């Protein structure tokens, strides 16, 4: 990475289905991380609850901002998380194809 390229960090929300189980995470490689969730490659919550659809993500170049945003969203009420998804993705479309293009 040259000095003009910024590192990107992503805060994302995955779901098992529309209005299903939600998971919030943060990563420096959104495609790789969502691929891992989709394919059950990492043991834990998303594999156990079949949480494999990307519903929402936001990007920043500041790792501290990403970590703080993840922590903040995890403390939100469920209805606020659902409202955030529906504001940006009202059809609850899996955004996987959008991020791999």
PDB file of N, CA and C in Angstrom:
ATOM      1  N   UNK A   1       0.864  -1.178   0.000  1.00  0.00           N
ATOM      2  CA  UNK A   1       0.000   0.000   0.000  1.00  0.00           C
ATOM      3  C   UNK A   1       0.903   1.232   0.000  1.00  0.00           C
ATOM      4  N   UNK A   2       0.710   2.098  -0.970  1.00  0.00           N
ATOM      5  CA  UNK A   2       1.523   3.304  -0.960  1.00  0.00           C
ATOM      6  C   UNK A   2       0.913   4.319  -0.010  1.00  0.00           C
ATOM      7  N   UNK A   3       1.617   5.381   0.240  1.00  0.00           N
ATOM      8  CA  UNK A   3       1.183   6.340   1.260  1.00  0.00           C
ATOM      9  C   UNK A   3      -0.068   7.124   0.865  1.00  0.00           C
ATOM     10  N   UNK A   4      -0.477   7.027  -0.399  1.00  0.00           N
ATOM     11  CA  UNK A   4      -1.677   7.741  -0.833  1.00  0.00           C
ATOM     12  C   UNK A   4      -2.942   6.890  -0.718  1.00  0.00           C
ATOM     13  N   UNK A   5      -2.751   5.583  -0.493  1.00  0.00           N
ATOM     14  CA  UNK A   5      -3.898   4.699  -0.322  1.00  0.00           C
ATOM     15  C   UNK A   5      -4.307   4.678   1.149  1.00  0.00           C
ATOM     16  N   UNK A   6      -5.593   4.808   1.376  1.00  0.00           N
ATOM     17  CA  UNK A   6      -6.094   4.737   2.746  1.00  0.00           C
ATOM     18  C   UNK A   6      -6.573   3.331   3.030  1.00  0.00           C
ATOM     19  N   UNK A   7      -6.299   2.859   4.226  1.00  0.00           N
ATOM     20  CA  UNK A   7      -6.842   1.584   4.673  1.00  0.00           C
ATOM     21  C   UNK A   7      -8.318   1.789   4.974  1.00  0.00           C
ATOM     22  N   UNK A   8      -9.135   0.844   4.581  1.00  0.00           N
ATOM     23  CA  UNK A   8     -10.577   0.926   4.826  1.00  0.00           C
ATOM     24  C   UNK A   8     -10.967  -0.046   5.932  1.00  0.00           C
ATOM     25  N   UNK A   9     -11.895   0.383   6.753  1.00  0.00           N
ATOM     26  CA  UNK A   9     -12.462  -0.446   7.807  1.00  0.00           C
ATOM     27  C   UNK A   9     -13.970  -0.399   7.657  1.00  0.00           C
ATOM     28  N   UNK A  10     -14.600  -1.510   7.928  1.00  0.00           N
ATOM     29  CA  UNK A  10     -16.044  -1.631   7.728  1.00  0.00           C
ATOM     30  C   UNK A  10     -16.729  -2.109   8.996  1.00  0.00           C
ATOM     31  N   UNK A  11     -17.841  -1.478   9.308  1.00  0.00           N
ATOM     32  CA  UNK A  11     -18.756  -1.960  10.338  1.00  0.00           C
ATOM     33  C   UNK A  11     -19.932  -2.526   9.554  1.00  0.00           C
ATOM     34  N   UNK A  12     -20.360  -3.724   9.914  1.00  0.00           N
ATOM     35  CA  UNK A  12     -21.375  -4.381   9.097  1.00  0.00           C
ATOM     36  C   UNK A  12     -22.401  -5.096   9.968  1.00  0.00           C
ATOM     37  N   UNK A  13     -23.572  -5.312   9.365  1.00  0.00           N
ATOM     38  CA  UNK A  13     -24.630  -6.069  10.024  1.00  0.00           C
ATOM     39  C   UNK A  13     -25.015  -7.230   9.120  1.00  0.00           C
ATOM     40  N   UNK A  14     -24.984  -8.419   9.679  1.00  0.00           N
ATOM     41  CA  UNK A  14     -25.409  -9.639   9.001  1.00  0.00           C
ATOM     42  C   UNK A  14     -26.742 -10.069   9.605  1.00  0.00           C
ATOM     43  N   UNK A  15     -27.524 -10.838   8.838  1.00  0.00           N
ATOM     44  CA  UNK A  15     -28.795 -11.354   9.331  1.00  0.00           C
ATOM     45  C   UNK A  15     -29.004 -12.779   8.832  1.00  0.00           C
ATOM     46  N   UNK A  16     -29.793 -13.540   9.587  1.00  0.00           N
ATOM     47  CA  UNK A  16     -30.134 -14.902   9.173  1.00  0.00           C
ATOM     48  C   UNK A  16     -31.237 -14.882   8.114  1.00  0.00           C
ATOM     49  N   UNK A  17     -32.099 -13.873   8.181  1.00  0.00           N
ATOM     50  CA  UNK A  17     -33.204 -13.673   7.244  1.00  0.00           C
ATOM     51  C   UNK A  17     -33.803 -12.313   7.562  1.00  0.00           C
ATOM     52  N   UNK A  18     -34.799 -11.891   6.816  1.00  0.00           N
ATOM     53  CA  UNK A  18     -35.476 -10.627   7.102  1.00  0.00           C
ATOM     54  C   UNK A  18     -36.029 -10.686   8.529  1.00  0.00           C
ATOM     55  N   UNK A  19     -35.690  -9.686   9.324  1.00  0.00           N
ATOM     56  CA  UNK A  19     -36.111  -9.607  10.726  1.00  0.00           C
ATOM     57  C   UNK A  19     -35.646 -10.800  11.558  1.00  0.00           C
ATOM     58  N   UNK A  20     -34.585 -11.454  11.112  1.00  0.00           N
ATOM     59  CA  UNK A  20     -34.057 -12.610  11.831  1.00  0.00           C
ATOM     60  C   UNK A  20     -32.974 -12.216  12.821  1.00  0.00           C
ATOM     61  N   UNK A  21     -32.139 -13.169  13.143  1.00  0.00           N
ATOM     62  CA  UNK A  21     -31.018 -12.962  14.053  1.00  0.00           C
ATOM     63  C   UNK A  21     -30.011 -12.017  13.408  1.00  0.00           C
ATOM     64  N   UNK A  22     -29.530 -11.045  14.189  1.00  0.00           N
ATOM     65  CA  UNK A  22     -28.581 -10.056  13.692  1.00  0.00           C
ATOM     66  C   UNK A  22     -27.211 -10.244  14.328  1.00  0.00           C
ATOM     67  N   UNK A  23     -26.192  -9.869  13.577  1.00  0.00           N
ATOM     68  CA  UNK A  23     -24.810  -9.882  14.067  1.00  0.00           C
ATOM     69  C   UNK A  23     -24.128  -8.617  13.571  1.00  0.00           C
ATOM     70  N   UNK A  24     -23.404  -7.953  14.449  1.00  0.00           N
ATOM     71  CA  UNK A  24     -22.652  -6.746  14.091  1.00  0.00           C
ATOM     72  C   UNK A  24     -21.169  -7.036  14.249  1.00  0.00           C
ATOM     73  N   UNK A  25     -20.393  -6.657  13.242  1.00  0.00           N
ATOM     74  CA  UNK A  25     -18.961  -6.882  13.299  1.00  0.00           C
ATOM     75  C   UNK A  25     -18.193  -5.731  12.669  1.00  0.00           C
ATOM     76  N   UNK A  26     -16.868  -5.836  12.754  1.00  0.00           N
ATOM     77  CA  UNK A  26     -15.971  -4.849  12.150  1.00  0.00           C
ATOM     78  C   UNK A  26     -14.825  -5.617  11.494  1.00  0.00           C
ATOM     79  N   UNK A  27     -14.355  -5.106  10.355  1.00  0.00           N
ATOM     80  CA  UNK A  27     -13.288  -5.792   9.635  1.00  0.00           C
ATOM     81  C   UNK A  27     -12.524  -4.817   8.750  1.00  0.00           C
ATOM     82  N   UNK A  28     -11.342  -5.196   8.376  1.00  0.00           N
ATOM     83  CA  UNK A  28     -10.549  -4.444   7.413  1.00  0.00           C
ATOM     84  C   UNK A  28     -10.673  -5.029   6.014  1.00  0.00           C
ATOM     85  N   UNK A  29     -11.381  -6.156   5.873  1.00  0.00           N
ATOM     86  CA  UNK A  29     -11.560  -6.815   4.576  1.00  0.00           C
ATOM     87  C   UNK A  29     -12.983  -7.357   4.519  1.00  0.00           C
ATOM     88  N   UNK A  30     -13.904  -6.529   4.047  1.00  0.00           N
ATOM     89  CA  UNK A  30     -15.324  -6.873   4.075  1.00  0.00           C
ATOM     90  C   UNK A  30     -15.639  -8.113   3.235  1.00  0.00           C
ATOM     91  N   UNK A  31     -15.090  -8.200   2.044  1.00  0.00           N
ATOM     92  CA  UNK A  31     -15.379  -9.344   1.181  1.00  0.00           C
ATOM     93  C   UNK A  31     -14.929 -10.644   1.846  1.00  0.00           C
ATOM     94  N   UNK A  32     -13.710 -10.673   2.337  1.00  0.00           N
ATOM     95  CA  UNK A  32     -13.196 -11.887   2.992  1.00  0.00           C
ATOM     96  C   UNK A  32     -14.048 -12.262   4.189  1.00  0.00           C
ATOM     97  N   UNK A  33     -14.373 -11.281   5.026  1.00  0.00           N
ATOM     98  CA  UNK A  33     -15.108 -11.563   6.266  1.00  0.00           C
ATOM     99  C   UNK A  33     -16.530 -12.041   5.981  1.00  0.00           C
ATOM    100  N   UNK A  34     -17.211 -11.404   5.047  1.00  0.00           N
ATOM    101  CA  UNK A  34     -18.568 -11.849   4.702  1.00  0.00           C
ATOM    102  C   UNK A  34     -18.523 -13.241   4.076  1.00  0.00           C
ATOM    103  N   UNK A  35     -17.514 -13.506   3.252  1.00  0.00           N
ATOM    104  CA  UNK A  35     -17.338 -14.842   2.676  1.00  0.00           C
ATOM    105  C   UNK A  35     -17.219 -15.872   3.795  1.00  0.00           C
ATOM    106  N   UNK A  36     -16.434 -15.562   4.809  1.00  0.00           N
ATOM    107  CA  UNK A  36     -16.273 -16.481   5.942  1.00  0.00           C
ATOM    108  C   UNK A  36     -17.606 -16.726   6.649  1.00  0.00           C
ATOM    109  N   UNK A  37     -18.372 -15.665   6.879  1.00  0.00           N
ATOM    110  CA  UNK A  37     -19.692 -15.818   7.503  1.00  0.00           C
ATOM    111  C   UNK A  37     -20.608 -16.671   6.620  1.00  0.00           C
ATOM    112  N   UNK A  38     -20.658 -16.357   5.340  1.00  0.00           N
ATOM    113  CA  UNK A  38     -21.567 -17.044   4.410  1.00  0.00           C
ATOM    114  C   UNK A  38     -21.281 -18.535   4.325  1.00  0.00           C
ATOM    115  N   UNK A  39     -20.027 -18.892   4.467  1.00  0.00           N
ATOM    116  CA  UNK A  39     -19.614 -20.283   4.288  1.00  0.00           C
ATOM    117  C   UNK A  39     -19.324 -21.013   5.593  1.00  0.00           C
ATOM    118  N   UNK A  40     -19.665 -20.391   6.708  1.00  0.00           N
ATOM    119  CA  UNK A  40     -19.497 -21.045   8.005  1.00  0.00           C
ATOM    120  C   UNK A  40     -18.065 -21.422   8.316  1.00  0.00           C
ATOM    121  N   UNK A  41     -17.109 -20.620   7.867  1.00  0.00           N
ATOM    122  CA  UNK A  41     -15.693 -20.950   8.038  1.00  0.00           C
ATOM    123  C   UNK A  41     -15.158 -20.626   9.429  1.00  0.00           C
ATOM    124  N   UNK A  42     -15.879 -19.792  10.162  1.00  0.00           N
ATOM    125  CA  UNK A  42     -15.435 -19.411  11.500  1.00  0.00           C
ATOM    126  C   UNK A  42     -16.437 -19.967  12.518  1.00  0.00           C
ATOM    127  N   UNK A  43     -15.954 -20.708  13.498  1.00  0.00           N
ATOM    128  CA  UNK A  43     -16.884 -21.201  14.518  1.00  0.00           C
ATOM    129  C   UNK A  43     -17.433 -20.036  15.339  1.00  0.00           C
ATOM    130  N   UNK A  44     -18.623 -20.195  15.850  1.00  0.00           N
ATOM    131  CA  UNK A  44     -19.176 -19.157  16.710  1.00  0.00           C
ATOM    132  C   UNK A  44     -20.598 -18.789  16.352  1.00  0.00           C
ATOM    133  N   UNK A  45     -20.974 -17.587  16.761  1.00  0.00           N
ATOM    134  CA  UNK A  45     -22.345 -17.112  16.702  1.00  0.00           C
ATOM    135  C   UNK A  45     -22.960 -17.203  15.310  1.00  0.00           C
ATOM    136  N   UNK A  46     -22.287 -16.631  14.306  1.00  0.00           N
ATOM    137  CA  UNK A  46     -22.904 -16.583  12.975  1.00  0.00           C
ATOM    138  C   UNK A  46     -23.060 -17.977  12.379  1.00  0.00           C
ATOM    139  N   UNK A  47     -22.144 -18.866  12.651  1.00  0.00           N
ATOM    140  CA  UNK A  47     -22.266 -20.244  12.165  1.00  0.00           C
ATOM    141  C   UNK A  47     -23.388 -20.962  12.916  1.00  0.00           C
ATOM    142  N   UNK A  48     -23.430 -20.806  14.231  1.00  0.00           N
ATOM    143  CA  UNK A  48     -24.442 -21.478  15.051  1.00  0.00           C
ATOM    144  C   UNK A  48     -25.859 -21.040  14.711  1.00  0.00           C
ATOM    145  N   UNK A  49     -26.037 -19.765  14.355  1.00  0.00           N
ATOM    146  CA  UNK A  49     -27.369 -19.220  14.104  1.00  0.00           C
ATOM    147  C   UNK A  49     -27.654 -18.969  12.626  1.00  0.00           C
ATOM    148  N   UNK A  50     -26.797 -19.506  11.746  1.00  0.00           N
ATOM    149  CA  UNK A  50     -26.987 -19.395  10.301  1.00  0.00           C
ATOM    150  C   UNK A  50     -27.168 -17.944   9.851  1.00  0.00           C
ATOM    151  N   UNK A  51     -26.330 -17.078  10.388  1.00  0.00           N
ATOM    152  CA  UNK A  51     -26.356 -15.651  10.045  1.00  0.00           C
ATOM    153  C   UNK A  51     -25.370 -15.465   8.885  1.00  0.00           C
ATOM    154  N   UNK A  52     -25.909 -15.333   7.673  1.00  0.00           N
ATOM    155  CA  UNK A  52     -25.044 -15.374   6.489  1.00  0.00           C
ATOM    156  C   UNK A  52     -25.342 -14.301   5.445  1.00  0.00           C
ATOM    157  N   UNK A  53     -26.300 -13.429   5.695  1.00  0.00           N
ATOM    158  CA  UNK A  53     -26.662 -12.405   4.714  1.00  0.00           C
ATOM    159  C   UNK A  53     -26.185 -11.027   5.162  1.00  0.00           C
ATOM    160  N   UNK A  54     -25.472 -10.328   4.284  1.00  0.00           N
ATOM    161  CA  UNK A  54     -25.008  -8.967   4.573  1.00  0.00           C
ATOM    162  C   UNK A  54     -26.154  -8.000   4.325  1.00  0.00           C
ATOM    163  N   UNK A  55     -26.573  -7.301   5.366  1.00  0.00           N
ATOM    164  CA  UNK A  55     -27.714  -6.394   5.269  1.00  0.00           C
ATOM    165  C   UNK A  55     -27.312  -4.924   5.210  1.00  0.00           C
ATOM    166  N   UNK A  56     -26.177  -4.585   5.829  1.00  0.00           N
ATOM    167  CA  UNK A  56     -25.781  -3.183   5.955  1.00  0.00           C
ATOM    168  C   UNK A  56     -24.282  -3.121   6.212  1.00  0.00           C
ATOM    169  N   UNK A  57     -23.644  -2.077   5.699  1.00  0.00           N
ATOM    170  CA  UNK A  57     -22.253  -1.823   6.067  1.00  0.00           C
ATOM    171  C   UNK A  57     -21.958  -0.344   5.894  1.00  0.00           C
ATOM    172  N   UNK A  58     -20.964   0.103   6.619  1.00  0.00           N
ATOM    173  CA  UNK A  58     -20.468   1.466   6.467  1.00  0.00           C
ATOM    174  C   UNK A  58     -18.948   1.402   6.489  1.00  0.00           C
ATOM    175  N   UNK A  59     -18.321   2.348   5.822  1.00  0.00           N
ATOM    176  CA  UNK A  59     -16.876   2.346   5.614  1.00  0.00           C
ATOM    177  C   UNK A  59     -16.251   3.587   6.243  1.00  0.00           C
ATOM    178  N   UNK A  60     -15.057   3.411   6.804  1.00  0.00           N
ATOM    179  CA  UNK A  60     -14.282   4.528   7.339  1.00  0.00           C
ATOM    180  C   UNK A  60     -12.799   4.227   7.150  1.00  0.00           C
ATOM    181  N   UNK A  61     -11.982   5.246   7.188  1.00  0.00           N
ATOM    182  CA  UNK A  61     -10.529   5.045   7.118  1.00  0.00           C
ATOM    183  C   UNK A  61      -9.904   5.080   8.512  1.00  0.00           C
ATOM    184  N   UNK A  62     -10.732   5.249   9.529  1.00  0.00           N
ATOM    185  CA  UNK A  62     -10.268   5.382  10.908  1.00  0.00           C
ATOM    186  C   UNK A  62     -10.627   4.132  11.711  1.00  0.00           C
ATOM    187  N   UNK A  63      -9.623   3.339  12.066  1.00  0.00           N
ATOM    188  CA  UNK A  63      -9.876   2.080  12.776  1.00  0.00           C
ATOM    189  C   UNK A  63     -10.555   2.319  14.124  1.00  0.00           C
ATOM    190  N   UNK A  64     -10.161   3.370  14.823  1.00  0.00           N
ATOM    191  CA  UNK A  64     -10.794   3.662  16.127  1.00  0.00           C
ATOM    192  C   UNK A  64     -12.268   4.024  15.948  1.00  0.00           C
ATOM    193  N   UNK A  65     -12.574   4.779  14.915  1.00  0.00           N
ATOM    194  CA  UNK A  65     -13.966   5.138  14.631  1.00  0.00           C
ATOM    195  C   UNK A  65     -14.779   3.883  14.327  1.00  0.00           C
ATOM    196  N   UNK A  66     -14.202   2.956  13.563  1.00  0.00           N
ATOM    197  CA  UNK A  66     -14.899   1.710  13.232  1.00  0.00           C
ATOM    198  C   UNK A  66     -15.162   0.884  14.487  1.00  0.00           C
ATOM    199  N   UNK A  67     -14.157   0.747  15.336  1.00  0.00           N
ATOM    200  CA  UNK A  67     -14.321  -0.033  16.574  1.00  0.00           C
ATOM    201  C   UNK A  67     -15.342   0.608  17.502  1.00  0.00           C
ATOM    202  N   UNK A  68     -15.303   1.927  17.598  1.00  0.00           N
ATOM    203  CA  UNK A  68     -16.275   2.635  18.448  1.00  0.00           C
ATOM    204  C   UNK A  68     -17.689   2.520  17.891  1.00  0.00           C
ATOM    205  N   UNK A  69     -17.834   2.606  16.573  1.00  0.00           N
ATOM    206  CA  UNK A  69     -19.150   2.489  15.956  1.00  0.00           C
ATOM    207  C   UNK A  69     -19.722   1.077  16.170  1.00  0.00           C
ATOM    208  N   UNK A  70     -18.877   0.061  16.010  1.00  0.00           N
ATOM    209  CA  UNK A  70     -19.314  -1.321  16.257  1.00  0.00           C
ATOM    210  C   UNK A  70     -19.821  -1.465  17.690  1.00  0.00           C
ATOM    211  N   UNK A  71     -19.041  -0.975  18.627  1.00  0.00           N
ATOM    212  CA  UNK A  71     -19.424  -1.056  20.038  1.00  0.00           C
ATOM    213  C   UNK A  71     -20.736  -0.317  20.300  1.00  0.00           C
ATOM    214  N   UNK A  72     -20.862   0.849  19.690  1.00  0.00           N
ATOM    215  CA  UNK A  72     -22.065   1.662  19.835  1.00  0.00           C
ATOM    216  C   UNK A  72     -23.294   0.922  19.296  1.00  0.00           C
ATOM    217  N   UNK A  73     -23.182   0.383  18.063  1.00  0.00           N
ATOM    218  CA  UNK A  73     -24.306  -0.321  17.450  1.00  0.00           C
ATOM    219  C   UNK A  73     -24.700  -1.563  18.239  1.00  0.00           C
ATOM    220  N   UNK A  74     -23.727  -2.253  18.804  1.00  0.00           N
ATOM    221  CA  UNK A  74     -24.030  -3.460  19.576  1.00  0.00           C
ATOM    222  C   UNK A  74     -24.879  -3.154  20.807  1.00  0.00           C
ATOM    223  N   UNK A  75     -24.821  -1.922  21.293  1.00  0.00           N
ATOM    224  CA  UNK A  75     -25.608  -1.536  22.462  1.00  0.00           C
ATOM    225  C   UNK A  75     -26.968  -0.943  22.095  1.00  0.00           C
ATOM    226  N   UNK A  76     -27.222  -0.767  20.814  1.00  0.00           N
ATOM    227  CA  UNK A  76     -28.511  -0.250  20.366  1.00  0.00           C
ATOM    228  C   UNK A  76     -29.613  -1.266  20.639  1.00  0.00           C
ATOM    229  N   UNK A  77     -30.833  -0.763  20.782  1.00  0.00           N
ATOM    230  CA  UNK A  77     -32.005  -1.634  20.833  1.00  0.00           C
ATOM    231  C   UNK A  77     -32.186  -2.287  19.471  1.00  0.00           C
ATOM    232  N   UNK A  78     -32.745  -3.471  19.491  1.00  0.00           N
ATOM    233  CA  UNK A  78     -32.962  -4.199  18.238  1.00  0.00           C
ATOM    234  C   UNK A  78     -33.755  -3.361  17.229  1.00  0.00           C
ATOM    235  N   UNK A  79     -34.801  -2.671  17.695  1.00  0.00           N
ATOM    236  CA  UNK A  79     -35.643  -1.896  16.766  1.00  0.00           C
ATOM    237  C   UNK A  79     -34.842  -0.807  16.069  1.00  0.00           C
ATOM    238  N   UNK A  80     -33.830  -0.250  16.720  1.00  0.00           N
ATOM    239  CA  UNK A  80     -32.980   0.766  16.099  1.00  0.00           C
ATOM    240  C   UNK A  80     -32.100   0.138  15.018  1.00  0.00           C
ATOM    241  N   UNK A  81     -31.592  -1.070  15.284  1.00  0.00           N
ATOM    242  CA  UNK A  81     -30.771  -1.783  14.297  1.00  0.00           C
ATOM    243  C   UNK A  81     -31.608  -2.106  13.062  1.00  0.00           C
ATOM    244  N   UNK A  82     -32.827  -2.590  13.288  1.00  0.00           N
ATOM    245  CA  UNK A  82     -33.728  -2.909  12.180  1.00  0.00           C
ATOM    246  C   UNK A  82     -34.039  -1.638  11.387  1.00  0.00           C
ATOM    247  N   UNK A  83     -34.282  -0.541  12.076  1.00  0.00           N
ATOM    248  CA  UNK A  83     -34.568   0.733  11.399  1.00  0.00           C
ATOM    249  C   UNK A  83     -33.374   1.187  10.559  1.00  0.00           C
ATOM    250  N   UNK A  84     -32.162   0.997  11.062  1.00  0.00           N
ATOM    251  CA  UNK A  84     -30.960   1.357  10.310  1.00  0.00           C
ATOM    252  C   UNK A  84     -30.876   0.532   9.029  1.00  0.00           C
ATOM    253  N   UNK A  85     -31.099  -0.766   9.137  1.00  0.00           N
ATOM    254  CA  UNK A  85     -31.094  -1.628   7.952  1.00  0.00           C
ATOM    255  C   UNK A  85     -32.156  -1.154   6.969  1.00  0.00           C
ATOM    256  N   UNK A  86     -33.368  -0.960   7.452  1.00  0.00           N
ATOM    257  CA  UNK A  86     -34.478  -0.619   6.562  1.00  0.00           C
ATOM    258  C   UNK A  86     -34.337   0.760   5.931  1.00  0.00           C
ATOM    259  N   UNK A  87     -33.636   1.662   6.599  1.00  0.00           N
ATOM    260  CA  UNK A  87     -33.382   2.985   6.026  1.00  0.00           C
ATOM    261  C   UNK A  87     -32.503   2.877   4.780  1.00  0.00           C
ATOM    262  N   UNK A  88     -31.523   1.981   4.824  1.00  0.00           N
ATOM    263  CA  UNK A  88     -30.552   1.846   3.735  1.00  0.00           C
ATOM    264  C   UNK A  88     -30.829   0.656   2.816  1.00  0.00           C
ATOM    265  N   UNK A  89     -31.568  -0.312   3.307  1.00  0.00           N
ATOM    266  CA  UNK A  89     -31.812  -1.549   2.566  1.00  0.00           C
ATOM    267  C   UNK A  89     -33.238  -2.031   2.861  1.00  0.00           C
ATOM    268  N   UNK A  90     -34.246  -1.270   2.408  1.00  0.00           N
ATOM    269  CA  UNK A  90     -35.636  -1.556   2.791  1.00  0.00           C
ATOM    270  C   UNK A  90     -36.141  -2.927   2.350  1.00  0.00           C
ATOM    271  N   UNK A  91     -35.537  -3.503   1.327  1.00  0.00           N
ATOM    272  CA  UNK A  91     -35.962  -4.822   0.845  1.00  0.00           C
ATOM    273  C   UNK A  91     -35.239  -5.966   1.561  1.00  0.00           C
ATOM    274  N   UNK A  92     -34.325  -5.639   2.462  1.00  0.00           N
ATOM    275  CA  UNK A  92     -33.505  -6.646   3.148  1.00  0.00           C
ATOM    276  C   UNK A  92     -32.798  -7.528   2.114  1.00  0.00           C
ATOM    277  N   UNK A  93     -32.249  -6.891   1.095  1.00  0.00           N
ATOM    278  CA  UNK A  93     -31.512  -7.589   0.048  1.00  0.00           C
ATOM    279  C   UNK A  93     -30.123  -7.959   0.574  1.00  0.00           C
ATOM    280  N   UNK A  94     -29.700  -9.185   0.327  1.00  0.00           N
ATOM    281  CA  UNK A  94     -28.344  -9.580   0.677  1.00  0.00           C
ATOM    282  C   UNK A  94     -27.381  -8.781  -0.197  1.00  0.00           C
ATOM    283  N   UNK A  95     -26.485  -8.027   0.421  1.00  0.00           N
ATOM    284  CA  UNK A  95     -25.589  -7.130  -0.299  1.00  0.00           C
ATOM    285  C   UNK A  95     -24.310  -7.810  -0.804  1.00  0.00           C
ATOM    286  N   UNK A  96     -24.218  -9.108  -0.653  1.00  0.00           N
ATOM    287  CA  UNK A  96     -23.024  -9.862  -1.076  1.00  0.00           C
ATOM    288  C   UNK A  96     -22.645  -9.538  -2.528  1.00  0.00           C
ATOM    289  N   UNK A  97     -23.593  -9.635  -3.449  1.00  0.00           N
ATOM    290  CA  UNK A  97     -23.271  -9.387  -4.866  1.00  0.00           C
ATOM    291  C   UNK A  97     -22.804  -7.957  -5.107  1.00  0.00           C
ATOM    292  N   UNK A  98     -23.282  -7.026  -4.317  1.00  0.00           N
ATOM    293  CA  UNK A  98     -22.855  -5.631  -4.442  1.00  0.00           C
ATOM    294  C   UNK A  98     -21.385  -5.451  -4.071  1.00  0.00           C
ATOM    295  N   UNK A  99     -20.927  -6.160  -3.045  1.00  0.00           N
ATOM    296  CA  UNK A  99     -19.548  -5.950  -2.583  1.00  0.00           C
ATOM    297  C   UNK A  99     -18.520  -6.747  -3.364  1.00  0.00           C
ATOM    298  N   UNK A 100     -18.946  -7.780  -4.098  1.00  0.00           N
ATOM    299  CA  UNK A 100     -17.952  -8.575  -4.838  1.00  0.00           C
ATOM    300  C   UNK A 100     -17.753  -8.090  -6.276  1.00  0.00           C
ATOM    301  N   UNK A 101     -18.543  -7.111  -6.704  1.00  0.00           N
ATOM    302  CA  UNK A 101     -18.394  -6.592  -8.068  1.00  0.00           C
ATOM    303  C   UNK A 101     -17.258  -5.609  -8.166  1.00  0.00           C
TER     304      UNK A 101
END
